Amino acid sequence: MSEDSLKIFDVLINKLSEQDLLQIIQNFISLNQKGTVNYVNANSLNLVYKDDKMKKYLYGFNILHPDGLGIFLASKFLYGKNGFTKRITGSDFYIELIKESLKNNWSFFFFGDTDETLRKISQANSNLKVKGFCNGFNFNNDELINNINTAKPDILIVGLGSPKQEDWVVTNRDKVNTKVIIAVGDGIKVFAGTKKRGNKLIRILGLEWFVRLINEPKRLWKRYIIGIPLFILRILKYKLFKQ
């Protein structure tokens, strides 16, 4: 473990600010180097805890940035002042990525979610350079890769949810002609302007998960009602036996 990363459940997570991450993406693009970026949050680490495949998928990414209050607090509990110094949420970062992309004329291909969500991305960001779309529920992988390679986007956004998106990126990263691949999960809705996040106070308090739970209880109740207590218990166990 270096000073630039923290290890939680044997996963090395980069210590980054939003500006650090934007600079890394800019470097990948300007140097024409392929880079892969993913978030790590409490749900990701719960998946890692019970499935070694998820851990192997995460090892296949160049950059893993912390996402959300849960992992920020876990880092402070485990490492004290050496924990993450910046609290990052993917949803906030994707907004900054859009702004930076408009300044630099970076192009995108979006893969994931529904056709309805994908159509709204250009509506919400009329000046964003979008070279293609593919929904995440009904696609032919060979055709998808061909479309991406024809479009040659600077950034490929993959929003399939975990661990499906991690599997896809690690399996296909060397087949696609793009400089940066970013796995965003449900964050693809941020680009479309349809993600329900709550007001500013809710975001400051780190309670966006509760807003999501209220809006999608059937899909998310296990992740939050069961997942959050499990994550806390697992972090306590990790502190006691792994440190």
Foldseek 3Di string as FASTA:
>chain_A
DDLQWDADLNATAGQDDLVRVLVVLVCLLVVVAAFEEEEDELLLVVCVVVDVVSRVLNVLGPHYHYAFDRQQVLQCVQPNPSGRPDHHHLLVSVVVVQVVCLVVVFEEEEEEDDPVLVVLLCVVPVSHHYQYYYYHPDDDVVVVQVSQQVSQGQEYEHAHAPPVRSVCCSVCVVSHRYRYYYYRHVSSSSSSVRQDQDDPVCVVVRNSLVVVCVVPVVVCVCCPVVSVVVSVVSSVVCSVPVD
